[in-house]
């Protein structure tokens, strides 16, 4: 777990389904993009990653995921 936390801390963004690594990334300050089926919507507001810089996409298309990744990385690069 320590190695995973150290790895995620070095990432600019984690794209994942709703899983344990999402919460570890959030804990070490790495922004996350959570891709989840729409049926998980009620649970994600309660159990999603804590803190700022996280985004949850419900039942997105691949294009929407790619667009969100690009937007997230662009925002992080601004001074």
PDB file of N, CA and C in Angstrom:
ATOM      1  N   UNK A   1       0.812  -1.200   0.000  1.00  0.00           N
ATOM      2  CA  UNK A   1       0.000   0.000   0.000  1.00  0.00           C
ATOM      3  C   UNK A   1       0.859   1.269   0.000  1.00  0.00           C
ATOM      4  N   UNK A   2       1.987   1.210   0.696  1.00  0.00           N
ATOM      5  CA  UNK A   2       2.872   2.386   0.702  1.00  0.00           C
ATOM      6  C   UNK A   2       3.407   2.682  -0.693  1.00  0.00           C
ATOM      7  N   UNK A   3       3.776   1.633  -1.414  1.00  0.00           N
ATOM      8  CA  UNK A   3       4.288   1.831  -2.773  1.00  0.00           C
ATOM      9  C   UNK A   3       3.198   2.389  -3.682  1.00  0.00           C
ATOM     10  N   UNK A   4       1.969   1.887  -3.536  1.00  0.00           N
ATOM     11  CA  UNK A   4       0.862   2.402  -4.334  1.00  0.00           C
ATOM     12  C   UNK A   4       0.619   3.876  -4.014  1.00  0.00           C
ATOM     13  N   UNK A   5       0.622   4.237  -2.743  1.00  0.00           N
ATOM     14  CA  UNK A   5       0.429   5.633  -2.339  1.00  0.00           C
ATOM     15  C   UNK A   5       1.534   6.516  -2.911  1.00  0.00           C
ATOM     16  N   UNK A   6       2.775   6.043  -2.852  1.00  0.00           N
ATOM     17  CA  UNK A   6       3.897   6.827  -3.391  1.00  0.00           C
ATOM     18  C   UNK A   6       3.773   6.983  -4.905  1.00  0.00           C
ATOM     19  N   UNK A   7       3.365   5.921  -5.581  1.00  0.00           N
ATOM     20  CA  UNK A   7       3.167   5.985  -7.028  1.00  0.00           C
ATOM     21  C   UNK A   7       2.058   6.972  -7.387  1.00  0.00           C
ATOM     22  N   UNK A   8       0.929   6.868  -6.704  1.00  0.00           N
ATOM     23  CA  UNK A   8      -0.212   7.740  -7.007  1.00  0.00           C
ATOM     24  C   UNK A   8       0.084   9.199  -6.690  1.00  0.00           C
ATOM     25  N   UNK A   9       0.927   9.435  -5.714  1.00  0.00           N
ATOM     26  CA  UNK A   9       1.286  10.807  -5.357  1.00  0.00           C
ATOM     27  C   UNK A   9       2.058  11.488  -6.490  1.00  0.00           C
ATOM     28  N   UNK A  10       2.756  10.702  -7.284  1.00  0.00           N
ATOM     29  CA  UNK A  10       3.541  11.257  -8.396  1.00  0.00           C
ATOM     30  C   UNK A  10       2.709  11.470  -9.657  1.00  0.00           C
ATOM     31  N   UNK A  11       1.483  10.959  -9.677  1.00  0.00           N
ATOM     32  CA  UNK A  11       0.619  11.085 -10.853  1.00  0.00           C
ATOM     33  C   UNK A  11      -0.041  12.457 -10.905  1.00  0.00           C
ATOM     34  N   UNK A  12      -0.278  12.935 -12.106  1.00  0.00           N
ATOM     35  CA  UNK A  12      -0.991  14.208 -12.276  1.00  0.00           C
ATOM     36  C   UNK A  12      -2.490  14.001 -12.197  1.00  0.00           C
ATOM     37  N   UNK A  13      -2.975  12.786 -12.532  1.00  0.00           N
ATOM     38  CA  UNK A  13      -4.403  12.475 -12.535  1.00  0.00           C
ATOM     39  C   UNK A  13      -4.560  10.963 -12.524  1.00  0.00           C
ATOM     40  N   UNK A  14      -5.530  10.469 -11.761  1.00  0.00           N
ATOM     41  CA  UNK A  14      -5.867   9.045 -11.785  1.00  0.00           C
ATOM     42  C   UNK A  14      -7.243   8.903 -12.412  1.00  0.00           C
ATOM     43  N   UNK A  15      -7.327   8.098 -13.474  1.00  0.00           N
ATOM     44  CA  UNK A  15      -8.605   7.755 -14.101  1.00  0.00           C
ATOM     45  C   UNK A  15      -8.891   6.318 -13.719  1.00  0.00           C
ATOM     46  N   UNK A  16     -10.036   6.092 -13.074  1.00  0.00           N
ATOM     47  CA  UNK A  16     -10.315   4.758 -12.549  1.00  0.00           C
ATOM     48  C   UNK A  16     -11.811   4.587 -12.337  1.00  0.00           C
ATOM     49  N   UNK A  17     -12.199   3.327 -12.157  1.00  0.00           N
ATOM     50  CA  UNK A  17     -13.546   3.089 -11.659  1.00  0.00           C
ATOM     51  C   UNK A  17     -13.526   3.395 -10.157  1.00  0.00           C
ATOM     52  N   UNK A  18     -14.678   3.352  -9.521  1.00  0.00           N
ATOM     53  CA  UNK A  18     -14.744   3.636  -8.095  1.00  0.00           C
ATOM     54  C   UNK A  18     -14.103   2.467  -7.347  1.00  0.00           C
ATOM     55  N   UNK A  19     -12.891   2.695  -6.831  1.00  0.00           N
ATOM     56  CA  UNK A  19     -12.141   1.615  -6.201  1.00  0.00           C
ATOM     57  C   UNK A  19     -11.238   2.170  -5.113  1.00  0.00           C
ATOM     58  N   UNK A  20     -10.584   1.289  -4.401  1.00  0.00           N
ATOM     59  CA  UNK A  20      -9.676   1.685  -3.330  1.00  0.00           C
ATOM     60  C   UNK A  20      -8.579   2.636  -3.771  1.00  0.00           C
ATOM     61  N   UNK A  21      -7.922   2.390  -4.910  1.00  0.00           N
ATOM     62  CA  UNK A  21      -6.881   3.319  -5.341  1.00  0.00           C
ATOM     63  C   UNK A  21      -7.376   4.762  -5.534  1.00  0.00           C
ATOM     64  N   UNK A  22      -8.644   4.950  -5.879  1.00  0.00           N
ATOM     65  CA  UNK A  22      -9.193   6.303  -5.996  1.00  0.00           C
ATOM     66  C   UNK A  22      -9.079   7.024  -4.654  1.00  0.00           C
ATOM     67  N   UNK A  23      -9.414   6.346  -3.595  1.00  0.00           N
ATOM     68  CA  UNK A  23      -9.396   6.960  -2.267  1.00  0.00           C
ATOM     69  C   UNK A  23      -7.958   7.175  -1.776  1.00  0.00           C
ATOM     70  N   UNK A  24      -7.060   6.280  -2.144  1.00  0.00           N
ATOM     71  CA  UNK A  24      -5.650   6.477  -1.800  1.00  0.00           C
ATOM     72  C   UNK A  24      -5.107   7.683  -2.556  1.00  0.00           C
ATOM     73  N   UNK A  25      -5.434   7.796  -3.843  1.00  0.00           N
ATOM     74  CA  UNK A  25      -4.993   8.955  -4.631  1.00  0.00           C
ATOM     75  C   UNK A  25      -5.520  10.248  -4.007  1.00  0.00           C
ATOM     76  N   UNK A  26      -6.783  10.260  -3.639  1.00  0.00           N
ATOM     77  CA  UNK A  26      -7.361  11.449  -3.014  1.00  0.00           C
ATOM     78  C   UNK A  26      -6.649  11.778  -1.707  1.00  0.00           C
ATOM     79  N   UNK A  27      -6.293  10.758  -0.947  1.00  0.00           N
ATOM     80  CA  UNK A  27      -5.623  10.973   0.341  1.00  0.00           C
ATOM     81  C   UNK A  27      -4.232  11.577   0.189  1.00  0.00           C
ATOM     82  N   UNK A  28      -3.558  11.269  -0.932  1.00  0.00           N
ATOM     83  CA  UNK A  28      -2.214  11.819  -1.147  1.00  0.00           C
ATOM     84  C   UNK A  28      -2.234  13.077  -2.011  1.00  0.00           C
ATOM     85  N   UNK A  29      -3.436  13.569  -2.337  1.00  0.00           N
ATOM     86  CA  UNK A  29      -3.563  14.836  -3.046  1.00  0.00           C
ATOM     87  C   UNK A  29      -3.574  14.761  -4.561  1.00  0.00           C
ATOM     88  N   UNK A  30      -3.741  13.575  -5.115  1.00  0.00           N
ATOM     89  CA  UNK A  30      -3.801  13.423  -6.567  1.00  0.00           C
ATOM     90  C   UNK A  30      -5.246  13.548  -7.026  1.00  0.00           C
ATOM     91  N   UNK A  31      -5.532  14.411  -8.000  1.00  0.00           N
ATOM     92  CA  UNK A  31      -6.891  14.523  -8.519  1.00  0.00           C
ATOM     93  C   UNK A  31      -7.327  13.211  -9.164  1.00  0.00           C
ATOM     94  N   UNK A  32      -8.618  12.930  -9.098  1.00  0.00           N
ATOM     95  CA  UNK A  32      -9.137  11.696  -9.670  1.00  0.00           C
ATOM     96  C   UNK A  32     -10.289  11.979 -10.619  1.00  0.00           C
ATOM     97  N   UNK A  33     -10.425  11.110 -11.604  1.00  0.00           N
ATOM     98  CA  UNK A  33     -11.560  11.107 -12.510  1.00  0.00           C
ATOM     99  C   UNK A  33     -12.166   9.718 -12.389  1.00  0.00           C
ATOM    100  N   UNK A  34     -13.319   9.646 -11.749  1.00  0.00           N
ATOM    101  CA  UNK A  34     -13.971   8.363 -11.482  1.00  0.00           C
ATOM    102  C   UNK A  34     -15.003   8.108 -12.565  1.00  0.00           C
ATOM    103  N   UNK A  35     -14.886   6.962 -13.222  1.00  0.00           N
ATOM    104  CA  UNK A  35     -15.814   6.550 -14.271  1.00  0.00           C
ATOM    105  C   UNK A  35     -16.707   5.469 -13.661  1.00  0.00           C
ATOM    106  N   UNK A  36     -18.016   5.756 -13.607  1.00  0.00           N
ATOM    107  CA  UNK A  36     -18.925   4.827 -12.944  1.00  0.00           C
ATOM    108  C   UNK A  36     -20.216   4.679 -13.727  1.00  0.00           C
ATOM    109  N   UNK A  37     -20.843   3.505 -13.614  1.00  0.00           N
ATOM    110  CA  UNK A  37     -22.156   3.354 -14.246  1.00  0.00           C
ATOM    111  C   UNK A  37     -23.173   4.253 -13.545  1.00  0.00           C
ATOM    112  N   UNK A  38     -24.163   4.703 -14.281  1.00  0.00           N
ATOM    113  CA  UNK A  38     -25.181   5.594 -13.728  1.00  0.00           C
ATOM    114  C   UNK A  38     -25.895   5.028 -12.515  1.00  0.00           C
ATOM    115  N   UNK A  39     -25.967   3.710 -12.418  1.00  0.00           N
ATOM    116  CA  UNK A  39     -26.650   3.086 -11.277  1.00  0.00           C
ATOM    117  C   UNK A  39     -25.939   3.368  -9.963  1.00  0.00           C
ATOM    118  N   UNK A  40     -24.663   3.763 -10.003  1.00  0.00           N
ATOM    119  CA  UNK A  40     -23.902   4.037  -8.786  1.00  0.00           C
ATOM    120  C   UNK A  40     -24.070   5.478  -8.291  1.00  0.00           C
ATOM    121  N   UNK A  41     -24.813   6.300  -9.005  1.00  0.00           N
ATOM    122  CA  UNK A  41     -24.922   7.732  -8.687  1.00  0.00           C
ATOM    123  C   UNK A  41     -25.280   8.021  -7.234  1.00  0.00           C
ATOM    124  N   UNK A  42     -26.295   7.376  -6.651  1.00  0.00           N
ATOM    125  CA  UNK A  42     -26.636   7.719  -5.262  1.00  0.00           C
ATOM    126  C   UNK A  42     -25.503   7.420  -4.284  1.00  0.00           C
ATOM    127  N   UNK A  43     -24.738   6.379  -4.526  1.00  0.00           N
ATOM    128  CA  UNK A  43     -23.665   6.001  -3.615  1.00  0.00           C
ATOM    129  C   UNK A  43     -22.429   6.883  -3.760  1.00  0.00           C
ATOM    130  N   UNK A  44     -22.155   7.378  -4.959  1.00  0.00           N
ATOM    131  CA  UNK A  44     -20.942   8.153  -5.176  1.00  0.00           C
ATOM    132  C   UNK A  44     -20.969   9.498  -4.465  1.00  0.00           C
ATOM    133  N   UNK A  45     -22.132  10.089  -4.311  1.00  0.00           N
ATOM    134  CA  UNK A  45     -22.181  11.352  -3.580  1.00  0.00           C
ATOM    135  C   UNK A  45     -21.807  11.135  -2.119  1.00  0.00           C
ATOM    136  N   UNK A  46     -22.055   9.965  -1.617  1.00  0.00           N
ATOM    137  CA  UNK A  46     -21.724   9.648  -0.221  1.00  0.00           C
ATOM    138  C   UNK A  46     -20.342   9.010  -0.076  1.00  0.00           C
ATOM    139  N   UNK A  47     -19.984   8.160  -1.036  1.00  0.00           N
ATOM    140  CA  UNK A  47     -18.760   7.369  -0.893  1.00  0.00           C
ATOM    141  C   UNK A  47     -17.670   7.751  -1.883  1.00  0.00           C
ATOM    142  N   UNK A  48     -17.856   8.792  -2.652  1.00  0.00           N
ATOM    143  CA  UNK A  48     -16.848   9.212  -3.626  1.00  0.00           C
ATOM    144  C   UNK A  48     -15.610   9.763  -2.937  1.00  0.00           C
ATOM    145  N   UNK A  49     -14.580  10.106  -3.704  1.00  0.00           N
ATOM    146  CA  UNK A  49     -13.341  10.635  -3.133  1.00  0.00           C
ATOM    147  C   UNK A  49     -13.573  11.975  -2.439  1.00  0.00           C
ATOM    148  N   UNK A  50     -12.879  12.176  -1.328  1.00  0.00           N
ATOM    149  CA  UNK A  50     -13.008  13.408  -0.553  1.00  0.00           C
ATOM    150  C   UNK A  50     -11.985  14.438  -1.007  1.00  0.00           C
ATOM    151  N   UNK A  51     -12.339  15.696  -0.876  1.00  0.00           N
ATOM    152  CA  UNK A  51     -11.410  16.768  -1.192  1.00  0.00           C
ATOM    153  C   UNK A  51     -11.701  17.415  -2.529  1.00  0.00           C
ATOM    154  N   UNK A  52     -10.835  18.335  -2.887  1.00  0.00           N
ATOM    155  CA  UNK A  52     -10.995  19.086  -4.130  1.00  0.00           C
ATOM    156  C   UNK A  52     -10.257  18.408  -5.280  1.00  0.00           C
ATOM    157  N   UNK A  53     -10.665  18.733  -6.493  1.00  0.00           N
ATOM    158  CA  UNK A  53      -9.950  18.255  -7.669  1.00  0.00           C
ATOM    159  C   UNK A  53     -10.409  16.914  -8.195  1.00  0.00           C
ATOM    160  N   UNK A  54     -11.562  16.448  -7.738  1.00  0.00           N
ATOM    161  CA  UNK A  54     -12.050  15.143  -8.174  1.00  0.00           C
ATOM    162  C   UNK A  54     -13.317  15.324  -9.007  1.00  0.00           C
ATOM    163  N   UNK A  55     -13.475  14.463  -9.998  1.00  0.00           N
ATOM    164  CA  UNK A  55     -14.647  14.532 -10.860  1.00  0.00           C
ATOM    165  C   UNK A  55     -15.198  13.127 -11.045  1.00  0.00           C
ATOM    166  N   UNK A  56     -16.518  13.025 -11.055  1.00  0.00           N
ATOM    167  CA  UNK A  56     -17.183  11.736 -11.245  1.00  0.00           C
ATOM    168  C   UNK A  56     -18.006  11.810 -12.527  1.00  0.00           C
ATOM    169  N   UNK A  57     -17.781  10.865 -13.412  1.00  0.00           N
ATOM    170  CA  UNK A  57     -18.550  10.768 -14.655  1.00  0.00           C
ATOM    171  C   UNK A  57     -19.441   9.539 -14.572  1.00  0.00           C
ATOM    172  N   UNK A  58     -20.732   9.747 -14.762  1.00  0.00           N
ATOM    173  CA  UNK A  58     -21.679   8.634 -14.710  1.00  0.00           C
ATOM    174  C   UNK A  58     -22.028   8.180 -16.124  1.00  0.00           C
ATOM    175  N   UNK A  59     -21.770   6.925 -16.410  1.00  0.00           N
ATOM    176  CA  UNK A  59     -22.044   6.310 -17.712  1.00  0.00           C
ATOM    177  C   UNK A  59     -21.545   7.152 -18.888  1.00  0.00           C
ATOM    178  N   UNK A  60     -20.279   7.547 -18.859  1.00  0.00           N
ATOM    179  CA  UNK A  60     -19.772   8.403 -19.941  1.00  0.00           C
ATOM    180  C   UNK A  60     -19.415   7.607 -21.193  1.00  0.00           C
ATOM    181  N   UNK A  61     -19.336   8.316 -22.288  1.00  0.00           N
ATOM    182  CA  UNK A  61     -18.809   7.722 -23.517  1.00  0.00           C
ATOM    183  C   UNK A  61     -17.282   7.835 -23.454  1.00  0.00           C
ATOM    184  N   UNK A  62     -16.577   7.059 -24.253  1.00  0.00           N
ATOM    185  CA  UNK A  62     -15.116   7.204 -24.290  1.00  0.00           C
ATOM    186  C   UNK A  62     -14.688   8.634 -24.639  1.00  0.00           C
ATOM    187  N   UNK A  63     -15.429   9.295 -25.532  1.00  0.00           N
ATOM    188  CA  UNK A  63     -15.113  10.675 -25.896  1.00  0.00           C
ATOM    189  C   UNK A  63     -15.234  11.597 -24.679  1.00  0.00           C
ATOM    190  N   UNK A  64     -16.264  11.422 -23.871  1.00  0.00           N
ATOM    191  CA  UNK A  64     -16.439  12.249 -22.669  1.00  0.00           C
ATOM    192  C   UNK A  64     -15.308  12.029 -21.673  1.00  0.00           C
ATOM    193  N   UNK A  65     -14.860  10.794 -21.539  1.00  0.00           N
ATOM    194  CA  UNK A  65     -13.735  10.506 -20.632  1.00  0.00           C
ATOM    195  C   UNK A  65     -12.481  11.206 -21.147  1.00  0.00           C
ATOM    196  N   UNK A  66     -12.185  11.058 -22.436  1.00  0.00           N
ATOM    197  CA  UNK A  66     -10.992  11.691 -23.012  1.00  0.00           C
ATOM    198  C   UNK A  66     -11.053  13.204 -22.861  1.00  0.00           C
ATOM    199  N   UNK A  67     -12.211  13.793 -23.090  1.00  0.00           N
ATOM    200  CA  UNK A  67     -12.377  15.238 -22.961  1.00  0.00           C
ATOM    201  C   UNK A  67     -12.156  15.683 -21.513  1.00  0.00           C
ATOM    202  N   UNK A  68     -12.674  14.938 -20.557  1.00  0.00           N
ATOM    203  CA  UNK A  68     -12.487  15.277 -19.146  1.00  0.00           C
ATOM    204  C   UNK A  68     -11.032  15.153 -18.718  1.00  0.00           C
ATOM    205  N   UNK A  69     -10.342  14.137 -19.231  1.00  0.00           N
ATOM    206  CA  UNK A  69      -8.913  13.985 -18.939  1.00  0.00           C
ATOM    207  C   UNK A  69      -8.159  15.199 -19.459  1.00  0.00           C
ATOM    208  N   UNK A  70      -8.432  15.577 -20.701  1.00  0.00           N
ATOM    209  CA  UNK A  70      -7.752  16.721 -21.302  1.00  0.00           C
ATOM    210  C   UNK A  70      -8.029  17.990 -20.505  1.00  0.00           C
ATOM    211  N   UNK A  71      -9.272  18.215 -20.118  1.00  0.00           N
ATOM    212  CA  UNK A  71      -9.634  19.395 -19.332  1.00  0.00           C
ATOM    213  C   UNK A  71      -8.933  19.397 -17.976  1.00  0.00           C
ATOM    214  N   UNK A  72      -8.916  18.258 -17.326  1.00  0.00           N
ATOM    215  CA  UNK A  72      -8.300  18.148 -16.001  1.00  0.00           C
ATOM    216  C   UNK A  72      -6.809  18.424 -16.072  1.00  0.00           C
ATOM    217  N   UNK A  73      -6.139  17.896 -17.075  1.00  0.00           N
ATOM    218  CA  UNK A  73      -4.698  18.100 -17.193  1.00  0.00           C
ATOM    219  C   UNK A  73      -4.373  19.521 -17.606  1.00  0.00           C
ATOM    220  N   UNK A  74      -5.207  20.125 -18.429  1.00  0.00           N
ATOM    221  CA  UNK A  74      -4.995  21.507 -18.852  1.00  0.00           C
ATOM    222  C   UNK A  74      -5.118  22.452 -17.663  1.00  0.00           C
ATOM    223  N   UNK A  75      -6.124  22.241 -16.838  1.00  0.00           N
ATOM    224  CA  UNK A  75      -6.328  23.081 -15.655  1.00  0.00           C
ATOM    225  C   UNK A  75      -5.144  22.963 -14.713  1.00  0.00           C
ATOM    226  N   UNK A  76      -4.598  21.790 -14.545  1.00  0.00           N
ATOM    227  CA  UNK A  76      -3.471  21.572 -13.631  1.00  0.00           C
ATOM    228  C   UNK A  76      -2.196  22.230 -14.131  1.00  0.00           C
ATOM    229  N   UNK A  77      -2.087  22.459 -15.428  1.00  0.00           N
ATOM    230  CA  UNK A  77      -0.858  23.034 -15.986  1.00  0.00           C
ATOM    231  C   UNK A  77      -0.821  24.559 -15.908  1.00  0.00           C
ATOM    232  N   UNK A  78      -1.968  25.177 -15.671  1.00  0.00           N
ATOM    233  CA  UNK A  78      -1.999  26.632 -15.606  1.00  0.00           C
ATOM    234  C   UNK A  78      -1.241  27.138 -14.378  1.00  0.00           C
ATOM    235  N   UNK A  79      -0.557  28.292 -14.490  1.00  0.00           N
ATOM    236  CA  UNK A  79       0.214  28.812 -13.337  1.00  0.00           C
ATOM    237  C   UNK A  79      -0.692  29.284 -12.222  1.00  0.00           C
TER     238      UNK A  79
END
